[in-house]
Amino acid sequence: MADLLVSDKTVFGELTGDLVDVVEPATGAVLGSTRLASPDDVSHAVTRSVVAQPKWADTAPAERAEVLLRAARLIHDQEDEFVRWGIRECGAIAGKTTHEVHSSRGELIAAAGLATEPYGQLLPAAGRMSYGRRIPFGAVGVITPWNFPLVLAMRAVAPALALGNSVLLKPDHQTPVYGGALIARLFEEAGLPAGVLEVLPGKADAGHALVADPRVPMISFTGSTRAGRIVAATAAEHVKKVSLELGGNNATIVLADADPEAASSVGAWGSFLHQGQICLTTGRHLVHRKIAGEYLDRLAARAARLKVGDPTEADTQIGPIINATQLANVDRIVRASADAGAAIRAGGTYENLFYAPTVLADVTPDMPAFTDEIFGPVAPVTVFDTDDEAIALANSTAYGLTASVITAEPFRGWKLAERLRAGMVHVNDTTVNDDPAVPFGGVGASGNGGRYGGQANWEEFTQWQWVTVRDTPPDYPF
């Protein structure tokens, strides 16, 4: 899988869009170049996908499962290559990328199990056989972002393929190798038939072409809430299903009985992993006034100890922000909040694309650090006095992806968790949690209620069909 980038032709095939450089965020080095998909390329790929899908759906379920299991073995055998590209193309540290590769393998194994599960039910009827069965949509479009491009692709691509769909994957143009070319090569080597998976790295024009194509009845989109609204509107115009997993402004509630040392570890991991560039990131630390001072001291000390630098170095803990535009937005939020009265307890500085892990104290609900999704290594801390106040603060956002509660009394934490408006809640753990078997997704501005993972994949990537059979046609009155 080494030579994936050349000037005019890639493993994506003959694409006709812009020729773009693939840039390493940590160094600014050009890793190679690739063509992007144009709208015409998308149209041609949809044609191939629509032609290939029926035969793939008719393939024996065990054979579909075997392709996914071969892919799982290959990703394990070639882990070093995947990790190398994840570090260099995404600016991710080795630990994050290794975990992502392992999670992607888990998605493939879990999806393989779907292929041979029961897919329908007999329905009550008299004088005829009546049953409902789950059938594939056909060609499924999958649009993925740059922050976790491998696993966020695999969690949709793998189950969609397992359940008999063909897939058109459009990775972000900033991560065309780790989020696209490696996946294309992986499935090619696993024996997936041609046309069943089309990989189309591209920008917004390619994504629009995919969402607007009437031959693609279902779209799976992961990305920003702003972009998700555009995708949803376009999909609605064409009356197709769309599954949206969008942004988050996730809260961790630290109760007065929590151990500040353990809680600050949970908080630091939640805010600083992958430079905070995760939809699950802890964007708001809601801490009881009784322990807020100690929590802030420990959190700021943890932030100051983290090594910021080139993620190819084994001891680096904080890598670069993906691009200058995103870094400027992170700094804007920090500066505006500081101007409004927040105290910078750690960080608040940057060099090139490296933003220092930042802790903000005295954050109030009207500050950008509280209201906005930051998508950077920033931990805003807001103080509360009562459980009701903590719940009100946590729920005072349009987002609803994930949340957590830290407490010495798990049952108390569980009762509070039931009051949080979020698709996922964790007691005595970080907001950053995922697993191939869980129903992953959010509510509100974090998504439209779709779920990925486990049995939820049946709801996402298949649809019901009702079938009846009689021995002979009935005699109707007219």
Protein backbone atom coordinates (compact mmCIF):
# COMPACT_ATOMS: atom_id res chain seq x y z
CA MET A 1 0.00 0.00 0.00
CA ALA A 2 3.00 2.31 -0.14
CA ASP A 3 2.69 4.10 -3.50
CA LEU A 4 -0.78 5.58 -3.33
CA LEU A 5 -0.14 9.08 -4.68
CA VAL A 6 1.10 10.08 -8.11
CA SER A 7 0.53 13.23 -10.10
CA ASP A 8 -2.39 12.30 -12.32
CA LYS A 9 -3.66 8.85 -11.43
CA THR A 10 -4.43 7.26 -8.06
CA VAL A 11 -6.09 4.11 -6.81
CA PHE A 12 -9.32 6.11 -7.13
CA GLY A 13 -9.11 5.66 -10.91
CA GLU A 14 -9.20 8.40 -13.51
CA LEU A 15 -10.59 11.43 -11.73
CA THR A 16 -10.97 14.76 -13.47
CA GLY A 17 -11.25 17.28 -10.63
CA ASP A 18 -8.59 19.59 -9.25
CA LEU A 19 -5.07 18.30 -8.66
CA VAL A 20 -4.35 19.03 -4.99
CA ASP A 21 -1.39 18.56 -2.70
CA VAL A 22 -1.71 16.38 0.36
CA VAL A 23 -0.04 18.41 3.11
CA GLU A 24 1.30 17.22 6.44
CA PRO A 25 -0.14 19.64 9.05
CA ALA A 26 2.77 19.22 11.46
CA THR A 27 5.51 20.21 9.01
CA GLY A 28 3.82 21.75 5.99
CA ALA A 29 5.54 19.10 3.85
CA VAL A 30 3.77 17.97 0.69
CA LEU A 31 3.26 14.22 1.00
CA GLY A 32 2.06 13.87 -2.58
CA SER A 33 -0.74 14.99 -4.82
CA THR A 34 -3.98 13.56 -6.07
CA ARG A 35 -6.90 14.41 -8.27
CA LEU A 36 -10.23 15.11 -6.64
CA ALA A 37 -13.57 13.91 -7.89
CA SER A 38 -15.61 16.27 -10.04
CA PRO A 39 -19.41 16.17 -10.20
CA ASP A 40 -19.10 14.25 -13.48
CA ASP A 41 -16.85 11.72 -11.77
CA VAL A 42 -19.50 11.26 -9.10
CA SER A 43 -22.18 10.67 -11.73
CA HIS A 44 -20.10 8.03 -13.50
CA ALA A 45 -19.31 6.33 -10.20
CA VAL A 46 -23.01 6.22 -9.28
CA THR A 47 -23.70 4.48 -12.60
CA ARG A 48 -21.09 1.82 -11.80
CA SER A 49 -22.39 1.46 -8.26
CA VAL A 50 -26.02 1.04 -9.31
CA VAL A 51 -25.01 -1.65 -11.82
CA ALA A 52 -22.87 -3.56 -9.30
CA GLN A 53 -25.27 -3.47 -6.34
CA PRO A 54 -27.92 -6.08 -7.31
CA LYS A 55 -25.35 -8.82 -7.85
CA TRP A 56 -23.67 -7.94 -4.56
CA ALA A 57 -27.01 -8.06 -2.74
CA ASP A 58 -27.63 -11.50 -4.25
CA THR A 59 -24.24 -12.75 -3.06
CA ALA A 60 -24.59 -15.30 -0.28
CA PRO A 61 -24.52 -13.55 3.12
CA ALA A 62 -21.63 -15.72 4.29
CA GLU A 63 -19.60 -14.62 1.26
CA ARG A 64 -20.28 -10.95 1.99
CA ALA A 65 -19.21 -11.57 5.58
CA GLU A 66 -16.02 -13.25 4.41
CA VAL A 67 -15.00 -10.19 2.39
CA LEU A 68 -15.36 -8.05 5.51
CA LEU A 69 -13.42 -10.54 7.63
CA ARG A 70 -10.62 -10.60 5.05
CA ALA A 71 -10.55 -6.80 5.21
CA ALA A 72 -10.31 -7.04 9.00
CA ARG A 73 -7.33 -9.39 8.73
CA LEU A 74 -5.66 -7.12 6.19
CA ILE A 75 -6.07 -3.99 8.28
CA HIS A 76 -4.49 -5.87 11.17
CA ASP A 77 -1.59 -7.11 9.02
CA GLN A 78 -0.99 -3.66 7.52
CA GLU A 79 -1.60 -1.66 10.68
CA ASP A 80 1.74 0.17 10.48
CA GLU A 81 0.88 1.61 7.06
CA PHE A 82 -2.50 2.85 8.24
CA VAL A 83 -1.01 4.36 11.40
CA ARG A 84 1.75 6.08 9.43
CA TRP A 85 -0.74 7.80 7.14
CA GLY A 86 -3.05 8.73 10.03
CA ILE A 87 -0.20 10.45 11.84
CA ARG A 88 1.14 12.34 8.85
CA GLU A 89 -2.10 13.25 7.07
CA CYS A 90 -4.29 14.02 10.12
CA GLY A 91 -1.65 15.36 12.50
CA ALA A 92 -2.72 12.74 15.02
CA ILE A 93 -0.48 11.22 17.67
CA ALA A 94 0.37 7.53 17.33
CA GLY A 95 -1.89 6.44 20.19
CA LYS A 96 -4.96 8.09 18.69
CA THR A 97 -4.29 6.67 15.26
CA THR A 98 -3.54 3.17 16.54
CA HIS A 99 -6.81 3.21 18.48
CA GLU A 100 -8.65 4.38 15.38
CA VAL A 101 -7.19 1.55 13.28
CA HIS A 102 -8.15 -1.00 15.94
CA SER A 103 -11.66 0.46 16.14
CA SER A 104 -11.98 0.25 12.36
CA ARG A 105 -11.06 -3.41 12.48
CA GLY A 106 -13.73 -3.86 15.14
CA GLU A 107 -16.29 -2.20 12.86
CA LEU A 108 -15.45 -4.68 10.09
CA ILE A 109 -15.75 -7.69 12.40
CA ALA A 110 -19.04 -6.47 13.88
CA ALA A 111 -20.46 -5.74 10.43
CA ALA A 112 -19.53 -9.20 9.20
CA GLY A 113 -21.81 -10.63 11.86
CA LEU A 114 -24.77 -8.61 10.53
CA ALA A 115 -24.67 -10.35 7.17
CA THR A 116 -25.90 -13.70 8.53
CA GLU A 117 -28.41 -12.44 11.11
CA PRO A 118 -32.19 -12.95 10.66
CA TYR A 119 -33.56 -10.17 8.50
CA GLY A 120 -37.33 -10.33 8.86
CA GLN A 121 -40.38 -11.64 10.66
CA LEU A 122 -43.53 -13.59 9.91
CA LEU A 123 -46.67 -11.48 10.30
CA PRO A 124 -50.14 -12.65 11.36
CA ALA A 125 -52.42 -13.36 8.40
CA ALA A 126 -55.26 -15.68 7.32
CA GLY A 127 -55.28 -17.44 3.97
CA ARG A 128 -51.87 -16.19 2.91
CA MET A 129 -48.26 -16.00 3.98
CA SER A 130 -47.31 -12.53 5.20
CA TYR A 131 -43.87 -11.41 6.23
CA GLY A 132 -41.71 -8.32 6.55
CA ARG A 133 -38.07 -8.32 5.52
CA ARG A 134 -35.23 -5.83 5.61
CA ILE A 135 -33.81 -5.04 2.18
CA PRO A 136 -30.86 -2.85 1.18
CA PHE A 137 -31.43 0.68 -0.06
CA GLY A 138 -29.23 0.13 -3.10
CA ALA A 139 -26.40 2.63 -3.57
CA VAL A 140 -25.54 4.40 -0.29
CA GLY A 141 -23.56 7.65 -0.19
CA VAL A 142 -21.15 8.07 2.73
CA ILE A 143 -19.58 11.50 3.37
CA THR A 144 -16.86 11.66 6.03
CA PRO A 145 -14.74 14.37 7.73
CA TRP A 146 -10.99 14.74 8.26
CA ASN A 147 -10.68 14.24 12.02
CA PHE A 148 -11.31 10.46 12.28
CA PRO A 149 -11.53 9.66 8.57
CA LEU A 150 -10.84 5.93 8.80
CA VAL A 151 -13.24 4.81 11.53
CA LEU A 152 -15.97 7.29 10.62
CA ALA A 153 -15.91 5.83 7.11
CA MET A 154 -15.72 2.22 8.26
CA ARG A 155 -18.65 2.48 10.69
CA ALA A 156 -20.92 3.24 7.70
CA VAL A 157 -19.15 1.51 4.81
CA ALA A 158 -18.80 -1.86 6.57
CA PRO A 159 -22.44 -2.36 7.70
CA ALA A 160 -23.81 -0.91 4.46
CA LEU A 161 -21.79 -3.46 2.48
CA ALA A 162 -22.62 -6.31 4.86
CA LEU A 163 -26.34 -5.70 4.36
CA GLY A 164 -26.15 -5.75 0.55
CA ASN A 165 -25.73 -2.12 -0.44
CA SER A 166 -23.09 -0.69 -2.70
CA VAL A 167 -21.28 2.36 -1.30
CA LEU A 168 -20.00 5.65 -2.68
CA LEU A 169 -17.52 7.06 -0.16
CA LYS A 170 -16.56 10.73 -0.33
CA PRO A 171 -13.72 11.44 2.10
CA ASP A 172 -12.62 14.96 2.93
CA HIS A 173 -10.12 16.42 0.46
CA GLN A 174 -7.64 16.99 3.32
CA THR A 175 -7.41 13.26 4.11
CA PRO A 176 -7.76 11.47 0.75
CA VAL A 177 -5.28 8.70 1.60
CA TYR A 178 -6.02 7.68 5.18
CA GLY A 179 -9.73 8.27 4.71
CA GLY A 180 -10.02 7.09 1.11
CA ALA A 181 -7.20 5.46 -0.85
CA LEU A 182 -6.24 3.03 1.90
CA ILE A 183 -9.88 1.98 2.27
CA ALA A 184 -10.24 1.47 -1.48
CA ARG A 185 -7.08 -0.63 -1.58
CA LEU A 186 -8.11 -2.58 1.53
CA PHE A 187 -11.41 -3.73 0.03
CA GLU A 188 -9.85 -4.37 -3.35
CA GLU A 189 -7.33 -6.73 -1.74
CA ALA A 190 -10.14 -8.30 0.33
CA GLY A 191 -11.90 -9.32 -2.90
CA LEU A 192 -14.81 -6.87 -3.00
CA PRO A 193 -16.17 -6.85 -6.57
CA ALA A 194 -15.50 -3.81 -8.74
CA GLY A 195 -18.10 -1.06 -8.47
CA VAL A 196 -19.43 -2.13 -5.07
CA LEU A 197 -17.26 0.49 -3.37
CA GLU A 198 -16.43 3.73 -5.17
CA VAL A 199 -14.10 6.18 -3.41
CA LEU A 200 -14.41 9.81 -4.45
CA PRO A 201 -12.25 12.28 -2.49
CA GLY A 202 -13.56 15.75 -3.04
CA LYS A 203 -14.85 19.08 -1.86
CA ALA A 204 -18.38 20.45 -1.49
CA ASP A 205 -19.22 20.19 -5.21
CA ALA A 206 -18.61 16.43 -5.19
CA GLY A 207 -20.61 16.04 -1.99
CA HIS A 208 -23.52 18.00 -3.45
CA ALA A 209 -23.47 15.87 -6.61
CA LEU A 210 -23.65 12.71 -4.50
CA VAL A 211 -26.48 13.94 -2.27
CA ALA A 212 -28.48 15.30 -5.23
CA ASP A 213 -28.19 12.21 -7.45
CA PRO A 214 -31.64 10.58 -7.52
CA ARG A 215 -30.08 7.13 -7.96
CA VAL A 216 -28.57 7.29 -4.44
CA PRO A 217 -31.53 6.77 -2.07
CA MET A 218 -29.64 7.07 1.23
CA ILE A 219 -26.90 9.40 2.51
CA SER A 220 -24.80 8.93 5.63
CA PHE A 221 -23.12 12.20 6.60
CA THR A 222 -20.68 12.94 9.40
CA GLY A 223 -19.45 16.50 9.78
CA SER A 224 -20.30 19.95 11.04
CA THR A 225 -23.82 21.00 11.90
CA ARG A 226 -23.60 23.82 9.35
CA ALA A 227 -22.74 21.42 6.52
CA GLY A 228 -25.24 18.87 7.82
CA ARG A 229 -28.10 21.32 7.43
CA ILE A 230 -27.16 21.81 3.78
CA VAL A 231 -26.98 18.04 3.22
CA ALA A 232 -30.36 17.55 4.91
CA ALA A 233 -32.00 20.25 2.80
CA THR A 234 -30.64 18.80 -0.44
CA ALA A 235 -31.65 15.27 0.53
CA ALA A 236 -35.15 16.48 1.39
CA GLU A 237 -35.52 18.01 -2.07
CA HIS A 238 -34.89 14.56 -3.53
CA VAL A 239 -36.96 12.67 -0.92
CA LYS A 240 -34.18 10.41 0.27
CA LYS A 241 -33.13 9.13 3.65
CA VAL A 242 -30.30 11.00 5.34
CA SER A 243 -28.50 10.02 8.52
CA LEU A 244 -26.68 12.93 10.17
CA GLU A 245 -24.01 12.72 12.87
CA LEU A 246 -22.98 16.31 13.51
CA GLY A 247 -21.20 18.53 16.01
CA GLY A 248 -21.34 18.67 19.77
CA ASN A 249 -20.82 21.00 22.72
CA ASN A 250 -20.53 18.28 25.30
CA ALA A 251 -20.58 18.80 29.05
CA THR A 252 -18.88 16.90 31.86
CA ILE A 253 -20.52 17.55 35.23
CA VAL A 254 -18.14 17.21 38.19
CA LEU A 255 -20.08 16.91 41.45
CA ALA A 256 -18.83 18.11 44.84
CA ASP A 257 -18.07 14.56 46.02
CA ALA A 258 -15.80 13.77 43.04
CA ASP A 259 -12.07 13.20 43.49
CA PRO A 260 -10.48 16.27 41.83
CA GLU A 261 -7.41 14.34 40.73
CA ALA A 262 -9.39 11.61 38.96
CA ALA A 263 -11.93 14.10 37.61
CA SER A 264 -9.22 16.33 36.15
CA SER A 265 -7.74 13.33 34.35
CA VAL A 266 -11.13 12.58 32.79
CA GLY A 267 -11.52 16.25 31.88
CA ALA A 268 -8.06 16.60 30.34
CA TRP A 269 -8.48 13.50 28.21
CA GLY A 270 -11.91 14.66 27.10
CA SER A 271 -10.73 18.12 26.02
CA PHE A 272 -7.20 17.55 24.73
CA LEU A 273 -7.26 14.19 22.90
CA HIS A 274 -6.51 14.81 19.22
CA GLN A 275 -6.26 18.52 19.97
CA GLY A 276 -9.96 18.58 20.83
CA GLN A 277 -10.83 17.90 17.19
CA ILE A 278 -13.50 15.30 18.00
CA CYS A 279 -17.27 15.65 17.96
CA LEU A 280 -17.26 13.88 21.37
CA THR A 281 -14.79 16.33 22.94
CA THR A 282 -15.57 17.72 26.38
CA GLY A 283 -16.38 21.29 25.40
CA ARG A 284 -17.68 22.42 28.80
CA HIS A 285 -16.48 21.46 32.29
CA LEU A 286 -19.27 22.12 34.79
CA VAL A 287 -17.71 21.89 38.26
CA HIS A 288 -19.28 22.29 41.70
CA ARG A 289 -18.06 25.42 43.45
CA LYS A 290 -16.78 23.40 46.43
CA ILE A 291 -14.03 21.74 44.40
CA ALA A 292 -13.72 24.12 41.43
CA GLY A 293 -10.47 25.70 42.61
CA GLU A 294 -8.72 22.39 43.15
CA TYR A 295 -10.09 21.00 39.90
CA LEU A 296 -8.82 24.03 37.97
CA ASP A 297 -5.37 23.80 39.55
CA ARG A 298 -5.02 20.15 38.62
CA LEU A 299 -6.48 20.56 35.13
CA ALA A 300 -4.16 23.49 34.37
CA ALA A 301 -1.17 21.51 35.65
CA ARG A 302 -2.07 18.60 33.39
CA ALA A 303 -2.40 20.93 30.40
CA ALA A 304 0.98 22.52 31.09
CA ARG A 305 2.70 19.12 31.22
CA LEU A 306 1.48 17.93 27.82
CA LYS A 307 4.13 17.85 25.10
CA VAL A 308 3.11 19.77 21.99
CA GLY A 309 4.91 18.95 18.77
CA ASP A 310 5.42 16.72 15.76
CA PRO A 311 3.13 13.66 16.16
CA THR A 312 5.72 11.43 14.46
CA GLU A 313 7.71 11.71 17.71
CA ALA A 314 6.63 8.96 20.07
CA ASP A 315 6.31 11.12 23.19
CA THR A 316 4.21 13.87 21.58
CA GLN A 317 0.77 14.25 23.17
CA ILE A 318 -0.64 17.26 21.30
CA GLY A 319 -0.25 17.59 17.53
CA PRO A 320 -1.25 20.33 15.10
CA ILE A 321 -4.65 21.79 14.33
CA ILE A 322 -5.71 20.59 10.88
CA ASN A 323 -5.38 23.97 9.11
CA ALA A 324 -4.90 27.70 9.66
CA THR A 325 -8.60 28.52 9.32
CA GLN A 326 -9.53 26.15 12.11
CA LEU A 327 -6.72 27.42 14.33
CA ALA A 328 -7.87 31.01 13.83
CA ASN A 329 -11.38 30.03 14.93
CA VAL A 330 -10.06 28.34 18.08
CA ASP A 331 -8.02 31.41 18.97
CA ARG A 332 -10.95 33.73 18.22
CA ILE A 333 -13.10 31.88 20.76
CA VAL A 334 -10.37 31.95 23.41
CA ARG A 335 -9.64 35.67 22.87
CA ALA A 336 -13.30 36.71 22.82
CA SER A 337 -13.98 34.77 26.02
CA ALA A 338 -10.93 36.25 27.74
CA ASP A 339 -12.05 39.73 26.69
CA ALA A 340 -15.44 38.97 28.26
CA GLY A 341 -13.87 38.04 31.60
CA ALA A 342 -12.62 34.43 31.36
CA ALA A 343 -9.22 33.80 32.94
CA ILE A 344 -6.62 31.88 30.95
CA ARG A 345 -5.13 29.41 33.46
CA ALA A 346 -2.99 27.54 30.93
CA GLY A 347 -2.14 27.86 27.26
CA GLY A 348 -3.88 30.42 25.10
CA THR A 349 -0.87 30.60 22.78
CA TYR A 350 0.11 28.99 19.50
CA GLU A 351 2.99 28.57 17.09
CA ASN A 352 2.35 27.69 13.46
CA LEU A 353 -0.53 25.16 13.67
CA PHE A 354 0.26 24.06 17.22
CA TYR A 355 -2.19 25.42 19.80
CA ALA A 356 -1.17 24.97 23.42
CA PRO A 357 -3.63 23.04 25.62
CA THR A 358 -5.74 25.78 27.15
CA VAL A 359 -7.73 25.99 30.38
CA LEU A 360 -10.23 28.81 30.88
CA ALA A 361 -11.65 29.70 34.31
CA ASP A 362 -14.62 31.92 35.17
CA VAL A 363 -16.46 30.98 31.99
CA THR A 364 -20.10 32.12 31.95
CA PRO A 365 -22.96 30.91 29.74
CA ASP A 366 -22.85 33.99 27.53
CA MET A 367 -19.21 33.52 26.45
CA PRO A 368 -18.19 31.92 23.12
CA ALA A 369 -16.18 29.28 25.01
CA PHE A 370 -19.48 28.09 26.50
CA THR A 371 -21.84 28.56 23.56
CA ASP A 372 -19.68 27.52 20.59
CA GLU A 373 -18.23 24.20 19.48
CA ILE A 374 -14.51 24.99 19.74
CA PHE A 375 -12.92 21.97 17.99
CA GLY A 376 -9.56 22.73 19.56
CA PRO A 377 -7.62 21.88 22.75
CA VAL A 378 -9.55 24.20 25.07
CA ALA A 379 -11.16 23.31 28.41
CA PRO A 380 -13.65 25.96 29.59
CA VAL A 381 -14.65 25.62 33.25
CA THR A 382 -17.98 26.90 34.58
CA VAL A 383 -18.96 26.73 38.26
CA PHE A 384 -22.35 25.59 39.61
CA ASP A 385 -23.90 25.30 43.08
CA THR A 386 -26.78 22.81 42.77
CA ASP A 387 -27.63 19.69 40.79
CA ASP A 388 -30.52 21.46 39.12
CA GLU A 389 -28.21 24.27 38.03
CA ALA A 390 -25.73 21.76 36.60
CA ILE A 391 -28.43 20.05 34.56
CA ALA A 392 -29.76 23.38 33.30
CA LEU A 393 -26.25 24.45 32.24
CA ALA A 394 -25.54 21.14 30.52
CA ASN A 395 -28.81 21.25 28.61
CA SER A 396 -28.50 24.92 27.62
CA THR A 397 -27.23 24.16 24.14
CA ALA A 398 -28.74 23.26 20.80
CA TYR A 399 -26.40 20.27 20.65
CA GLY A 400 -27.10 16.89 22.21
CA LEU A 401 -24.38 14.37 21.39
CA THR A 402 -22.74 13.12 24.59
CA ALA A 403 -22.30 14.05 28.25
CA SER A 404 -20.80 12.66 31.43
CA VAL A 405 -21.14 12.91 35.20
CA ILE A 406 -18.28 12.40 37.68
CA THR A 407 -19.30 11.49 41.22
CA ALA A 408 -18.49 9.24 44.19
CA GLU A 409 -22.12 8.06 44.12
CA PRO A 410 -22.81 6.19 40.85
CA PHE A 411 -26.55 5.89 41.49
CA ARG A 412 -26.81 9.64 41.99
CA GLY A 413 -24.86 10.13 38.77
CA TRP A 414 -27.21 7.78 36.95
CA LYS A 415 -30.27 9.72 38.10
CA LEU A 416 -28.70 12.95 36.87
CA ALA A 417 -27.70 11.28 33.59
CA GLU A 418 -31.35 10.50 32.93
CA ARG A 419 -32.08 14.25 32.92
CA LEU A 420 -29.41 15.12 30.35
CA ARG A 421 -30.51 15.79 26.79
CA ALA A 422 -27.89 13.78 24.91
CA GLY A 423 -27.76 10.71 22.73
CA MET A 424 -25.06 9.17 24.95
CA VAL A 425 -24.27 9.67 28.64
CA HIS A 426 -21.45 8.20 30.75
CA VAL A 427 -21.22 8.10 34.53
CA ASN A 428 -17.65 8.29 35.86
CA ASP A 429 -16.10 8.38 32.41
CA THR A 430 -15.22 10.83 29.69
CA THR A 431 -17.53 12.15 26.98
CA VAL A 432 -15.16 10.58 24.42
CA ASN A 433 -16.49 7.03 24.15
CA ASP A 434 -17.35 4.72 21.25
CA ASP A 435 -17.74 1.02 20.47
CA PRO A 436 -18.82 -0.89 17.34
CA ALA A 437 -21.72 -2.53 19.18
CA VAL A 438 -23.43 0.59 20.59
CA PRO A 439 -26.17 2.81 19.09
CA PHE A 440 -23.98 5.87 18.43
CA GLY A 441 -25.57 9.23 17.68
CA GLY A 442 -27.03 12.45 19.01
CA VAL A 443 -30.11 14.64 19.14
CA GLY A 444 -30.84 18.27 18.37
CA ALA A 445 -28.11 20.03 16.42
CA SER A 446 -25.93 16.95 16.89
CA GLY A 447 -27.98 14.80 14.52
CA ASN A 448 -31.36 13.77 13.25
CA GLY A 449 -31.76 10.72 15.46
CA GLY A 450 -29.90 8.25 13.26
CA ARG A 451 -27.66 5.71 14.98
CA TYR A 452 -24.60 3.74 13.95
CA GLY A 453 -23.45 0.48 15.49
CA GLY A 454 -24.78 -2.95 16.43
CA GLN A 455 -28.44 -3.62 15.73
CA ALA A 456 -29.00 0.06 14.96
CA ASN A 457 -27.24 -0.54 11.63
CA TRP A 458 -30.26 -2.51 10.44
CA GLU A 459 -32.39 0.61 10.84
CA GLU A 460 -29.83 2.82 9.13
CA PHE A 461 -28.80 0.79 6.10
CA THR A 462 -31.89 -1.28 5.23
CA GLN A 463 -35.61 -0.65 4.85
CA TRP A 464 -38.72 -2.72 5.44
CA GLN A 465 -40.52 -4.53 2.65
CA TRP A 466 -43.86 -6.27 3.27
CA VAL A 467 -44.50 -9.42 1.21
CA THR A 468 -47.61 -11.62 0.95
CA VAL A 469 -48.12 -14.87 -0.94
CA ARG A 470 -51.41 -16.68 -1.77
CA ASP A 471 -52.00 -20.02 -3.47
CA THR A 472 -54.41 -18.40 -5.93
CA PRO A 473 -55.73 -14.86 -6.44
CA PRO A 474 -58.84 -14.05 -4.38
CA ASP A 475 -62.20 -13.30 -5.93
CA TYR A 476 -62.84 -9.58 -5.24
CA PRO A 477 -66.28 -7.93 -5.53
CA PHE A 478 -65.32 -6.08 -8.71
